[in-house]
ModelCIF file with pLDDT and N, C-alpha, C, O atoms, coordinates in Angstrom:
data_MODEL
#
_entry.id   MODEL 
#
_entity.id                         1 
_entity.type                       polymer 
_entity.pdbx_number_of_molecules   1 
#
_entity_poly.entity_id                      1 
_entity_poly.type                           'polypeptide(L)' 
_entity_poly.nstd_linkage                   no 
_entity_poly.nstd_monomer                   no 
_entity_poly.pdbx_seq_one_letter_code       
;(UNK)(UNK)(UNK)(UNK)(UNK)(UNK)(UNK)(UNK)(UNK)(UNK)(UNK)(UNK)(UNK)(UNK)(UNK)(UNK)
(UNK)(UNK)(UNK)(UNK)(UNK)(UNK)(UNK)(UNK)(UNK)(UNK)(UNK)(UNK)(UNK)(UNK)(UNK)(UNK)
(UNK)(UNK)(UNK)(UNK)(UNK)(UNK)(UNK)(UNK)(UNK)(UNK)(UNK)(UNK)(UNK)(UNK)(UNK)
;
_entity_poly.pdbx_seq_one_letter_code_can   XXXXXXXXXXXXXXXXXXXXXXXXXXXXXXXXXXXXXXXXXXXXXXX 
_entity_poly.pdbx_strand_id                 A 
#
loop_
_entity_poly_seq.entity_id 
_entity_poly_seq.num 
_entity_poly_seq.mon_id 
_entity_poly_seq.hetero 
1 1  UNK n 
1 2  UNK n 
1 3  UNK n 
1 4  UNK n 
1 5  UNK n 
1 6  UNK n 
1 7  UNK n 
1 8  UNK n 
1 9  UNK n 
1 10 UNK n 
1 11 UNK n 
1 12 UNK n 
1 13 UNK n 
1 14 UNK n 
1 15 UNK n 
1 16 UNK n 
1 17 UNK n 
1 18 UNK n 
1 19 UNK n 
1 20 UNK n 
1 21 UNK n 
1 22 UNK n 
1 23 UNK n 
1 24 UNK n 
1 25 UNK n 
1 26 UNK n 
1 27 UNK n 
1 28 UNK n 
1 29 UNK n 
1 30 UNK n 
1 31 UNK n 
1 32 UNK n 
1 33 UNK n 
1 34 UNK n 
1 35 UNK n 
1 36 UNK n 
1 37 UNK n 
1 38 UNK n 
1 39 UNK n 
1 40 UNK n 
1 41 UNK n 
1 42 UNK n 
1 43 UNK n 
1 44 UNK n 
1 45 UNK n 
1 46 UNK n 
1 47 UNK n 
#
_struct_asym.id          A 
_struct_asym.entity_id   1 
#
loop_
_ma_qa_metric.id 
_ma_qa_metric.mode 
_ma_qa_metric.name 
_ma_qa_metric.software_group_id 
_ma_qa_metric.type 
1 global pLDDT . pLDDT 
2 local  pLDDT . pLDDT 
#
_ma_qa_metric_global.metric_id      1 
_ma_qa_metric_global.metric_value   97.36 
_ma_qa_metric_global.model_id       1 
_ma_qa_metric_global.ordinal_id     1 
#
loop_
_ma_qa_metric_local.label_asym_id 
_ma_qa_metric_local.label_comp_id 
_ma_qa_metric_local.label_seq_id 
_ma_qa_metric_local.metric_id 
_ma_qa_metric_local.metric_value 
_ma_qa_metric_local.model_id 
_ma_qa_metric_local.ordinal_id 
A UNK 1  2 96.00 1 1  
A UNK 2  2 98.00 1 2  
A UNK 3  2 98.00 1 3  
A UNK 4  2 98.00 1 4  
A UNK 5  2 98.00 1 5  
A UNK 6  2 98.00 1 6  
A UNK 7  2 98.00 1 7  
A UNK 8  2 98.00 1 8  
A UNK 9  2 98.00 1 9  
A UNK 10 2 98.00 1 10 
A UNK 11 2 98.00 1 11 
A UNK 12 2 98.00 1 12 
A UNK 13 2 97.00 1 13 
A UNK 14 2 98.00 1 14 
A UNK 15 2 98.00 1 15 
A UNK 16 2 98.00 1 16 
A UNK 17 2 98.00 1 17 
A UNK 18 2 98.00 1 18 
A UNK 19 2 98.00 1 19 
A UNK 20 2 98.00 1 20 
A UNK 21 2 98.00 1 21 
A UNK 22 2 98.00 1 22 
A UNK 23 2 98.00 1 23 
A UNK 24 2 97.00 1 24 
A UNK 25 2 97.00 1 25 
A UNK 26 2 98.00 1 26 
A UNK 27 2 98.00 1 27 
A UNK 28 2 98.00 1 28 
A UNK 29 2 98.00 1 29 
A UNK 30 2 98.00 1 30 
A UNK 31 2 98.00 1 31 
A UNK 32 2 97.00 1 32 
A UNK 33 2 96.00 1 33 
A UNK 34 2 96.00 1 34 
A UNK 35 2 97.00 1 35 
A UNK 36 2 97.00 1 36 
A UNK 37 2 98.00 1 37 
A UNK 38 2 97.00 1 38 
A UNK 39 2 94.00 1 39 
A UNK 40 2 93.00 1 40 
A UNK 41 2 95.00 1 41 
A UNK 42 2 97.00 1 42 
A UNK 43 2 97.00 1 43 
A UNK 44 2 98.00 1 44 
A UNK 45 2 98.00 1 45 
A UNK 46 2 97.00 1 46 
A UNK 47 2 96.00 1 47 
#
loop_
_atom_site.group_PDB 
_atom_site.id 
_atom_site.type_symbol 
_atom_site.label_atom_id 
_atom_site.label_alt_id 
_atom_site.label_comp_id 
_atom_site.label_asym_id 
_atom_site.label_entity_id 
_atom_site.label_seq_id 
_atom_site.pdbx_PDB_ins_code 
_atom_site.Cartn_x 
_atom_site.Cartn_y 
_atom_site.Cartn_z 
_atom_site.occupancy 
_atom_site.B_iso_or_equiv 
_atom_site.pdbx_formal_charge 
_atom_site.auth_seq_id 
_atom_site.auth_comp_id 
_atom_site.auth_asym_id 
_atom_site.auth_atom_id 
_atom_site.pdbx_PDB_model_num 
ATOM 1   N N  . UNK A 1 1  ? -13.210 -6.573  -20.302 1.00 96.00 ? 1  UNK A N  1 
ATOM 2   C CA . UNK A 1 1  ? -12.203 -5.889  -20.982 1.00 96.00 ? 1  UNK A CA 1 
ATOM 3   C C  . UNK A 1 1  ? -10.992 -5.806  -20.815 1.00 96.00 ? 1  UNK A C  1 
ATOM 4   O O  . UNK A 1 1  ? -10.505 -5.261  -21.806 1.00 96.00 ? 1  UNK A O  1 
ATOM 5   N N  . UNK A 1 2  ? -9.845  -6.194  -19.689 1.00 98.00 ? 2  UNK A N  1 
ATOM 6   C CA . UNK A 1 2  ? -9.122  -7.149  -19.597 1.00 98.00 ? 2  UNK A CA 1 
ATOM 7   C C  . UNK A 1 2  ? -9.181  -8.134  -20.068 1.00 98.00 ? 2  UNK A C  1 
ATOM 8   O O  . UNK A 1 2  ? -8.110  -8.583  -20.475 1.00 98.00 ? 2  UNK A O  1 
ATOM 9   N N  . UNK A 1 3  ? -10.618 -9.105  -20.290 1.00 98.00 ? 3  UNK A N  1 
ATOM 10  C CA . UNK A 1 3  ? -10.148 -10.386 -20.382 1.00 98.00 ? 3  UNK A CA 1 
ATOM 11  C C  . UNK A 1 3  ? -9.853  -10.687 -21.942 1.00 98.00 ? 3  UNK A C  1 
ATOM 12  O O  . UNK A 1 3  ? -9.519  -11.820 -22.286 1.00 98.00 ? 3  UNK A O  1 
ATOM 13  N N  . UNK A 1 4  ? -9.998  -9.550  -22.951 1.00 98.00 ? 4  UNK A N  1 
ATOM 14  C CA . UNK A 1 4  ? -10.319 -10.018 -24.425 1.00 98.00 ? 4  UNK A CA 1 
ATOM 15  C C  . UNK A 1 4  ? -9.212  -9.604  -24.527 1.00 98.00 ? 4  UNK A C  1 
ATOM 16  O O  . UNK A 1 4  ? -8.834  -9.970  -25.640 1.00 98.00 ? 4  UNK A O  1 
ATOM 17  N N  . UNK A 1 5  ? -8.202  -8.888  -23.904 1.00 98.00 ? 5  UNK A N  1 
ATOM 18  C CA . UNK A 1 5  ? -6.765  -8.880  -24.427 1.00 98.00 ? 5  UNK A CA 1 
ATOM 19  C C  . UNK A 1 5  ? -5.744  -10.478 -23.799 1.00 98.00 ? 5  UNK A C  1 
ATOM 20  O O  . UNK A 1 5  ? -4.662  -10.882 -24.225 1.00 98.00 ? 5  UNK A O  1 
ATOM 21  N N  . UNK A 1 6  ? -6.584  -11.039 -22.729 1.00 98.00 ? 6  UNK A N  1 
ATOM 22  C CA . UNK A 1 6  ? -5.854  -12.362 -22.276 1.00 98.00 ? 6  UNK A CA 1 
ATOM 23  C C  . UNK A 1 6  ? -6.265  -13.759 -22.377 1.00 98.00 ? 6  UNK A C  1 
ATOM 24  O O  . UNK A 1 6  ? -5.688  -14.751 -21.931 1.00 98.00 ? 6  UNK A O  1 
ATOM 25  N N  . UNK A 1 7  ? -7.303  -13.682 -23.005 1.00 98.00 ? 7  UNK A N  1 
ATOM 26  C CA . UNK A 1 7  ? -8.588  -15.240 -23.300 1.00 98.00 ? 7  UNK A CA 1 
ATOM 27  C C  . UNK A 1 7  ? -8.829  -15.159 -24.266 1.00 98.00 ? 7  UNK A C  1 
ATOM 28  O O  . UNK A 1 7  ? -8.641  -14.156 -24.955 1.00 98.00 ? 7  UNK A O  1 
ATOM 29  N N  . UNK A 1 8  ? -9.464  -16.486 -24.722 1.00 98.00 ? 8  UNK A N  1 
ATOM 30  C CA . UNK A 1 8  ? -11.065 -16.252 -25.265 1.00 98.00 ? 8  UNK A CA 1 
ATOM 31  C C  . UNK A 1 8  ? -11.631 -17.167 -24.897 1.00 98.00 ? 8  UNK A C  1 
ATOM 32  O O  . UNK A 1 8  ? -11.251 -18.125 -24.224 1.00 98.00 ? 8  UNK A O  1 
ATOM 33  N N  . UNK A 1 9  ? -12.475 -16.949 -25.275 1.00 98.00 ? 9  UNK A N  1 
ATOM 34  C CA . UNK A 1 9  ? -13.810 -18.181 -24.236 1.00 98.00 ? 9  UNK A CA 1 
ATOM 35  C C  . UNK A 1 9  ? -15.123 -17.353 -25.273 1.00 98.00 ? 9  UNK A C  1 
ATOM 36  O O  . UNK A 1 9  ? -14.943 -16.419 -26.054 1.00 98.00 ? 9  UNK A O  1 
ATOM 37  N N  . UNK A 1 10 ? -16.754 -18.240 -24.877 1.00 98.00 ? 10 UNK A N  1 
ATOM 38  C CA . UNK A 1 10 ? -17.712 -17.842 -25.630 1.00 98.00 ? 10 UNK A CA 1 
ATOM 39  C C  . UNK A 1 10 ? -18.813 -16.909 -24.613 1.00 98.00 ? 10 UNK A C  1 
ATOM 40  O O  . UNK A 1 10 ? -19.873 -16.315 -24.811 1.00 98.00 ? 10 UNK A O  1 
ATOM 41  N N  . UNK A 1 11 ? -17.867 -17.160 -23.366 1.00 98.00 ? 11 UNK A N  1 
ATOM 42  C CA . UNK A 1 11 ? -19.016 -16.397 -22.124 1.00 98.00 ? 11 UNK A CA 1 
ATOM 43  C C  . UNK A 1 11 ? -18.657 -15.773 -21.161 1.00 98.00 ? 11 UNK A C  1 
ATOM 44  O O  . UNK A 1 11 ? -18.907 -16.390 -20.125 1.00 98.00 ? 11 UNK A O  1 
ATOM 45  N N  . UNK A 1 12 ? -17.931 -14.330 -20.921 1.00 98.00 ? 12 UNK A N  1 
ATOM 46  C CA . UNK A 1 12 ? -18.123 -13.551 -20.321 1.00 98.00 ? 12 UNK A CA 1 
ATOM 47  C C  . UNK A 1 12 ? -17.704 -13.723 -18.669 1.00 98.00 ? 12 UNK A C  1 
ATOM 48  O O  . UNK A 1 12 ? -16.789 -13.229 -18.010 1.00 98.00 ? 12 UNK A O  1 
ATOM 49  N N  . UNK A 1 13 ? -19.124 -14.925 -18.222 1.00 97.00 ? 13 UNK A N  1 
ATOM 50  C CA . UNK A 1 13 ? -18.939 -14.543 -17.269 1.00 97.00 ? 13 UNK A CA 1 
ATOM 51  C C  . UNK A 1 13 ? -17.942 -15.920 -16.665 1.00 97.00 ? 13 UNK A C  1 
ATOM 52  O O  . UNK A 1 13 ? -17.479 -15.701 -15.546 1.00 97.00 ? 13 UNK A O  1 
ATOM 53  N N  . UNK A 1 14 ? -17.674 -16.911 -17.110 1.00 98.00 ? 14 UNK A N  1 
ATOM 54  C CA . UNK A 1 14 ? -16.471 -18.364 -16.648 1.00 98.00 ? 14 UNK A CA 1 
ATOM 55  C C  . UNK A 1 14 ? -14.978 -17.571 -16.515 1.00 98.00 ? 14 UNK A C  1 
ATOM 56  O O  . UNK A 1 14 ? -13.951 -17.617 -17.193 1.00 98.00 ? 14 UNK A O  1 
ATOM 57  N N  . UNK A 1 15 ? -15.472 -16.631 -14.996 1.00 98.00 ? 15 UNK A N  1 
ATOM 58  C CA . UNK A 1 15 ? -13.986 -16.142 -14.507 1.00 98.00 ? 15 UNK A CA 1 
ATOM 59  C C  . UNK A 1 15 ? -13.098 -17.142 -14.821 1.00 98.00 ? 15 UNK A C  1 
ATOM 60  O O  . UNK A 1 15 ? -12.262 -17.068 -15.721 1.00 98.00 ? 15 UNK A O  1 
ATOM 61  N N  . UNK A 1 16 ? -13.384 -18.672 -13.617 1.00 98.00 ? 16 UNK A N  1 
ATOM 62  C CA . UNK A 1 16 ? -12.879 -20.170 -13.120 1.00 98.00 ? 16 UNK A CA 1 
ATOM 63  C C  . UNK A 1 16 ? -11.647 -19.854 -15.111 1.00 98.00 ? 16 UNK A C  1 
ATOM 64  O O  . UNK A 1 16 ? -10.466 -19.508 -15.070 1.00 98.00 ? 16 UNK A O  1 
ATOM 65  N N  . UNK A 1 17 ? -12.159 -20.025 -16.008 1.00 98.00 ? 17 UNK A N  1 
ATOM 66  C CA . UNK A 1 17 ? -11.715 -19.848 -17.915 1.00 98.00 ? 17 UNK A CA 1 
ATOM 67  C C  . UNK A 1 17 ? -10.896 -19.249 -17.468 1.00 98.00 ? 17 UNK A C  1 
ATOM 68  O O  . UNK A 1 17 ? -9.993  -19.565 -16.693 1.00 98.00 ? 17 UNK A O  1 
ATOM 69  N N  . UNK A 1 18 ? -11.151 -18.354 -17.917 1.00 98.00 ? 18 UNK A N  1 
ATOM 70  C CA . UNK A 1 18 ? -10.919 -17.209 -18.223 1.00 98.00 ? 18 UNK A CA 1 
ATOM 71  C C  . UNK A 1 18 ? -8.781  -16.570 -17.148 1.00 98.00 ? 18 UNK A C  1 
ATOM 72  O O  . UNK A 1 18 ? -7.694  -16.241 -17.623 1.00 98.00 ? 18 UNK A O  1 
ATOM 73  N N  . UNK A 1 19 ? -9.231  -16.711 -15.884 1.00 98.00 ? 19 UNK A N  1 
ATOM 74  C CA . UNK A 1 19 ? -8.200  -16.907 -14.942 1.00 98.00 ? 19 UNK A CA 1 
ATOM 75  C C  . UNK A 1 19 ? -7.113  -18.317 -15.072 1.00 98.00 ? 19 UNK A C  1 
ATOM 76  O O  . UNK A 1 19 ? -6.120  -18.702 -14.456 1.00 98.00 ? 19 UNK A O  1 
ATOM 77  N N  . UNK A 1 20 ? -7.848  -18.769 -16.127 1.00 98.00 ? 20 UNK A N  1 
ATOM 78  C CA . UNK A 1 20 ? -6.652  -20.516 -16.139 1.00 98.00 ? 20 UNK A CA 1 
ATOM 79  C C  . UNK A 1 20 ? -5.818  -19.560 -17.394 1.00 98.00 ? 20 UNK A C  1 
ATOM 80  O O  . UNK A 1 20 ? -4.737  -18.974 -17.345 1.00 98.00 ? 20 UNK A O  1 
ATOM 81  N N  . UNK A 1 21 ? -6.773  -19.685 -18.445 1.00 98.00 ? 21 UNK A N  1 
ATOM 82  C CA . UNK A 1 21 ? -5.853  -19.310 -19.254 1.00 98.00 ? 21 UNK A CA 1 
ATOM 83  C C  . UNK A 1 21 ? -5.198  -17.926 -18.766 1.00 98.00 ? 21 UNK A C  1 
ATOM 84  O O  . UNK A 1 21 ? -4.591  -17.609 -19.788 1.00 98.00 ? 21 UNK A O  1 
ATOM 85  N N  . UNK A 1 22 ? -4.967  -16.981 -17.898 1.00 98.00 ? 22 UNK A N  1 
ATOM 86  C CA . UNK A 1 22 ? -4.466  -16.328 -18.125 1.00 98.00 ? 22 UNK A CA 1 
ATOM 87  C C  . UNK A 1 22 ? -2.969  -17.001 -16.967 1.00 98.00 ? 22 UNK A C  1 
ATOM 88  O O  . UNK A 1 22 ? -1.742  -17.020 -17.065 1.00 98.00 ? 22 UNK A O  1 
ATOM 89  N N  . UNK A 1 23 ? -3.800  -17.380 -16.136 1.00 98.00 ? 23 UNK A N  1 
ATOM 90  C CA . UNK A 1 23 ? -2.145  -17.397 -15.750 1.00 98.00 ? 23 UNK A CA 1 
ATOM 91  C C  . UNK A 1 23 ? -1.551  -18.671 -16.500 1.00 98.00 ? 23 UNK A C  1 
ATOM 92  O O  . UNK A 1 23 ? -0.368  -18.983 -16.370 1.00 98.00 ? 23 UNK A O  1 
ATOM 93  N N  . UNK A 1 24 ? -2.492  -19.425 -17.334 1.00 97.00 ? 24 UNK A N  1 
ATOM 94  C CA . UNK A 1 24 ? -1.152  -20.612 -18.199 1.00 97.00 ? 24 UNK A CA 1 
ATOM 95  C C  . UNK A 1 24 ? -0.485  -19.617 -18.893 1.00 97.00 ? 24 UNK A C  1 
ATOM 96  O O  . UNK A 1 24 ? 0.716   -19.803 -18.693 1.00 97.00 ? 24 UNK A O  1 
ATOM 97  N N  . UNK A 1 25 ? -0.658  -18.625 -19.627 1.00 97.00 ? 25 UNK A N  1 
ATOM 98  C CA . UNK A 1 25 ? -0.793  -17.650 -20.717 1.00 97.00 ? 25 UNK A CA 1 
ATOM 99  C C  . UNK A 1 25 ? -0.392  -16.413 -20.377 1.00 97.00 ? 25 UNK A C  1 
ATOM 100 O O  . UNK A 1 25 ? -0.455  -15.595 -21.295 1.00 97.00 ? 25 UNK A O  1 
ATOM 101 N N  . UNK A 1 26 ? 0.184   -15.841 -18.851 1.00 98.00 ? 26 UNK A N  1 
ATOM 102 C CA . UNK A 1 26 ? 0.761   -14.733 -18.706 1.00 98.00 ? 26 UNK A CA 1 
ATOM 103 C C  . UNK A 1 26 ? 0.868   -13.226 -19.435 1.00 98.00 ? 26 UNK A C  1 
ATOM 104 O O  . UNK A 1 26 ? 1.019   -13.500 -20.625 1.00 98.00 ? 26 UNK A O  1 
ATOM 105 N N  . UNK A 1 27 ? 0.862   -11.589 -19.277 1.00 98.00 ? 27 UNK A N  1 
ATOM 106 C CA . UNK A 1 27 ? 2.663   -11.369 -20.447 1.00 98.00 ? 27 UNK A CA 1 
ATOM 107 C C  . UNK A 1 27 ? 3.173   -11.117 -19.535 1.00 98.00 ? 27 UNK A C  1 
ATOM 108 O O  . UNK A 1 27 ? 3.097   -11.469 -18.358 1.00 98.00 ? 27 UNK A O  1 
ATOM 109 N N  . UNK A 1 28 ? 3.705   -10.501 -20.056 1.00 98.00 ? 28 UNK A N  1 
ATOM 110 C CA . UNK A 1 28 ? 4.969   -9.761  -18.789 1.00 98.00 ? 28 UNK A CA 1 
ATOM 111 C C  . UNK A 1 28 ? 4.129   -9.389  -17.473 1.00 98.00 ? 28 UNK A C  1 
ATOM 112 O O  . UNK A 1 28 ? 4.257   -9.859  -16.343 1.00 98.00 ? 28 UNK A O  1 
ATOM 113 N N  . UNK A 1 29 ? 3.544   -8.752  -17.774 1.00 98.00 ? 29 UNK A N  1 
ATOM 114 C CA . UNK A 1 29 ? 3.113   -8.054  -15.637 1.00 98.00 ? 29 UNK A CA 1 
ATOM 115 C C  . UNK A 1 29 ? 1.622   -7.807  -16.163 1.00 98.00 ? 29 UNK A C  1 
ATOM 116 O O  . UNK A 1 29 ? 1.315   -7.225  -17.203 1.00 98.00 ? 29 UNK A O  1 
ATOM 117 N N  . UNK A 1 30 ? 0.940   -8.260  -15.410 1.00 98.00 ? 30 UNK A N  1 
ATOM 118 C CA . UNK A 1 30 ? -0.244  -7.866  -15.620 1.00 98.00 ? 30 UNK A CA 1 
ATOM 119 C C  . UNK A 1 30 ? -0.739  -7.716  -14.045 1.00 98.00 ? 30 UNK A C  1 
ATOM 120 O O  . UNK A 1 30 ? -0.436  -8.289  -12.998 1.00 98.00 ? 30 UNK A O  1 
ATOM 121 N N  . UNK A 1 31 ? -1.736  -6.560  -14.442 1.00 98.00 ? 31 UNK A N  1 
ATOM 122 C CA . UNK A 1 31 ? -1.829  -5.166  -12.502 1.00 98.00 ? 31 UNK A CA 1 
ATOM 123 C C  . UNK A 1 31 ? -3.471  -5.327  -12.554 1.00 98.00 ? 31 UNK A C  1 
ATOM 124 O O  . UNK A 1 31 ? -3.959  -4.986  -13.631 1.00 98.00 ? 31 UNK A O  1 
ATOM 125 N N  . UNK A 1 32 ? -4.391  -5.792  -11.557 1.00 97.00 ? 32 UNK A N  1 
ATOM 126 C CA . UNK A 1 32 ? -5.985  -4.946  -11.323 1.00 97.00 ? 32 UNK A CA 1 
ATOM 127 C C  . UNK A 1 32 ? -5.903  -6.444  -10.218 1.00 97.00 ? 32 UNK A C  1 
ATOM 128 O O  . UNK A 1 32 ? -5.050  -7.051  -9.571  1.00 97.00 ? 32 UNK A O  1 
ATOM 129 N N  . UNK A 1 33 ? -7.476  -6.534  -10.534 1.00 96.00 ? 33 UNK A N  1 
ATOM 130 C CA . UNK A 1 33 ? -7.797  -7.780  -8.773  1.00 96.00 ? 33 UNK A CA 1 
ATOM 131 C C  . UNK A 1 33 ? -8.257  -8.505  -9.437  1.00 96.00 ? 33 UNK A C  1 
ATOM 132 O O  . UNK A 1 33 ? -8.068  -8.413  -10.650 1.00 96.00 ? 33 UNK A O  1 
ATOM 133 N N  . UNK A 1 34 ? -9.432  -10.011 -8.628  1.00 96.00 ? 34 UNK A N  1 
ATOM 134 C CA . UNK A 1 34 ? -9.127  -11.062 -9.272  1.00 96.00 ? 34 UNK A CA 1 
ATOM 135 C C  . UNK A 1 34 ? -8.626  -12.663 -8.428  1.00 96.00 ? 34 UNK A C  1 
ATOM 136 O O  . UNK A 1 34 ? -8.839  -13.866 -8.572  1.00 96.00 ? 34 UNK A O  1 
ATOM 137 N N  . UNK A 1 35 ? -7.945  -11.864 -7.620  1.00 97.00 ? 35 UNK A N  1 
ATOM 138 C CA . UNK A 1 35 ? -7.080  -12.921 -6.480  1.00 97.00 ? 35 UNK A CA 1 
ATOM 139 C C  . UNK A 1 35 ? -8.242  -13.957 -6.322  1.00 97.00 ? 35 UNK A C  1 
ATOM 140 O O  . UNK A 1 35 ? -7.824  -15.046 -6.717  1.00 97.00 ? 35 UNK A O  1 
ATOM 141 N N  . UNK A 1 36 ? -9.629  -14.044 -5.868  1.00 97.00 ? 36 UNK A N  1 
ATOM 142 C CA . UNK A 1 36 ? -9.986  -15.174 -5.320  1.00 97.00 ? 36 UNK A CA 1 
ATOM 143 C C  . UNK A 1 36 ? -9.977  -15.749 -6.882  1.00 97.00 ? 36 UNK A C  1 
ATOM 144 O O  . UNK A 1 36 ? -10.718 -16.732 -6.871  1.00 97.00 ? 36 UNK A O  1 
ATOM 145 N N  . UNK A 1 37 ? -9.598  -15.601 -7.839  1.00 98.00 ? 37 UNK A N  1 
ATOM 146 C CA . UNK A 1 37 ? -9.474  -16.728 -8.899  1.00 98.00 ? 37 UNK A CA 1 
ATOM 147 C C  . UNK A 1 37 ? -8.053  -16.945 -9.350  1.00 98.00 ? 37 UNK A C  1 
ATOM 148 O O  . UNK A 1 37 ? -7.787  -17.164 -10.532 1.00 98.00 ? 37 UNK A O  1 
ATOM 149 N N  . UNK A 1 38 ? -7.432  -16.902 -8.704  1.00 97.00 ? 38 UNK A N  1 
ATOM 150 C CA . UNK A 1 38 ? -6.227  -17.712 -9.275  1.00 97.00 ? 38 UNK A CA 1 
ATOM 151 C C  . UNK A 1 38 ? -5.332  -18.049 -8.034  1.00 97.00 ? 38 UNK A C  1 
ATOM 152 O O  . UNK A 1 38 ? -4.585  -17.359 -7.340  1.00 97.00 ? 38 UNK A O  1 
ATOM 153 N N  . UNK A 1 39 ? -5.652  -19.231 -8.019  1.00 94.00 ? 39 UNK A N  1 
ATOM 154 C CA . UNK A 1 39 ? -5.403  -20.365 -6.683  1.00 94.00 ? 39 UNK A CA 1 
ATOM 155 C C  . UNK A 1 39 ? -3.650  -19.621 -6.159  1.00 94.00 ? 39 UNK A C  1 
ATOM 156 O O  . UNK A 1 39 ? -3.305  -19.103 -5.097  1.00 94.00 ? 39 UNK A O  1 
ATOM 157 N N  . UNK A 1 40 ? -2.619  -19.969 -7.879  1.00 93.00 ? 40 UNK A N  1 
ATOM 158 C CA . UNK A 1 40 ? -1.135  -19.927 -7.436  1.00 93.00 ? 40 UNK A CA 1 
ATOM 159 C C  . UNK A 1 40 ? -0.856  -18.916 -8.644  1.00 93.00 ? 40 UNK A C  1 
ATOM 160 O O  . UNK A 1 40 ? -0.258  -19.447 -9.580  1.00 93.00 ? 40 UNK A O  1 
ATOM 161 N N  . UNK A 1 41 ? -1.085  -17.928 -8.764  1.00 95.00 ? 41 UNK A N  1 
ATOM 162 C CA . UNK A 1 41 ? -0.863  -17.134 -9.945  1.00 95.00 ? 41 UNK A CA 1 
ATOM 163 C C  . UNK A 1 41 ? 0.022   -17.418 -10.184 1.00 95.00 ? 41 UNK A C  1 
ATOM 164 O O  . UNK A 1 41 ? 0.544   -18.114 -9.313  1.00 95.00 ? 41 UNK A O  1 
ATOM 165 N N  . UNK A 1 42 ? 0.701   -17.214 -11.176 1.00 97.00 ? 42 UNK A N  1 
ATOM 166 C CA . UNK A 1 42 ? 2.255   -17.117 -11.213 1.00 97.00 ? 42 UNK A CA 1 
ATOM 167 C C  . UNK A 1 42 ? 2.892   -16.134 -11.454 1.00 97.00 ? 42 UNK A C  1 
ATOM 168 O O  . UNK A 1 42 ? 2.172   -15.512 -12.234 1.00 97.00 ? 42 UNK A O  1 
ATOM 169 N N  . UNK A 1 43 ? 4.086   -15.383 -11.245 1.00 97.00 ? 43 UNK A N  1 
ATOM 170 C CA . UNK A 1 43 ? 4.555   -14.313 -10.323 1.00 97.00 ? 43 UNK A CA 1 
ATOM 171 C C  . UNK A 1 43 ? 4.064   -13.026 -11.481 1.00 97.00 ? 43 UNK A C  1 
ATOM 172 O O  . UNK A 1 43 ? 3.652   -11.949 -11.049 1.00 97.00 ? 43 UNK A O  1 
ATOM 173 N N  . UNK A 1 44 ? 4.173   -13.309 -13.001 1.00 98.00 ? 44 UNK A N  1 
ATOM 174 C CA . UNK A 1 44 ? 3.826   -12.144 -13.461 1.00 98.00 ? 44 UNK A CA 1 
ATOM 175 C C  . UNK A 1 44 ? 2.187   -11.193 -13.196 1.00 98.00 ? 44 UNK A C  1 
ATOM 176 O O  . UNK A 1 44 ? 1.890   -10.033 -13.482 1.00 98.00 ? 44 UNK A O  1 
ATOM 177 N N  . UNK A 1 45 ? 1.481   -12.183 -12.609 1.00 98.00 ? 45 UNK A N  1 
ATOM 178 C CA . UNK A 1 45 ? 0.145   -11.868 -12.364 1.00 98.00 ? 45 UNK A CA 1 
ATOM 179 C C  . UNK A 1 45 ? 0.165   -11.153 -10.354 1.00 98.00 ? 45 UNK A C  1 
ATOM 180 O O  . UNK A 1 45 ? 0.319   -11.747 -9.287  1.00 98.00 ? 45 UNK A O  1 
ATOM 181 N N  . UNK A 1 46 ? -0.004  -10.107 -10.595 1.00 97.00 ? 46 UNK A N  1 
ATOM 182 C CA . UNK A 1 46 ? -0.631  -9.674  -9.437  1.00 97.00 ? 46 UNK A CA 1 
ATOM 183 C C  . UNK A 1 46 ? -1.920  -8.806  -8.725  1.00 97.00 ? 46 UNK A C  1 
ATOM 184 O O  . UNK A 1 46 ? -1.964  -7.590  -8.536  1.00 97.00 ? 46 UNK A O  1 
ATOM 185 N N  . UNK A 1 47 ? -2.508  -9.390  -8.536  1.00 96.00 ? 47 UNK A N  1 
ATOM 186 C CA . UNK A 1 47 ? -4.141  -8.935  -7.905  1.00 96.00 ? 47 UNK A CA 1 
ATOM 187 C C  . UNK A 1 47 ? -3.749  -9.334  -7.252  1.00 96.00 ? 47 UNK A C  1 
ATOM 188 O O  . UNK A 1 47 ? -4.333  -9.478  -6.178  1.00 96.00 ? 47 UNK A O  1 
#
């Protein structure tokens, strides 16, 4: 559900690709879980 607003992938299970897209073009702020997928998250992403 959150990824539908922040990424574009053909398989919802591709968490690495989703995280990469979210990190590359983050919203002003994103708060939730998922720290395992973000090695170096931008300041806008709070996992």
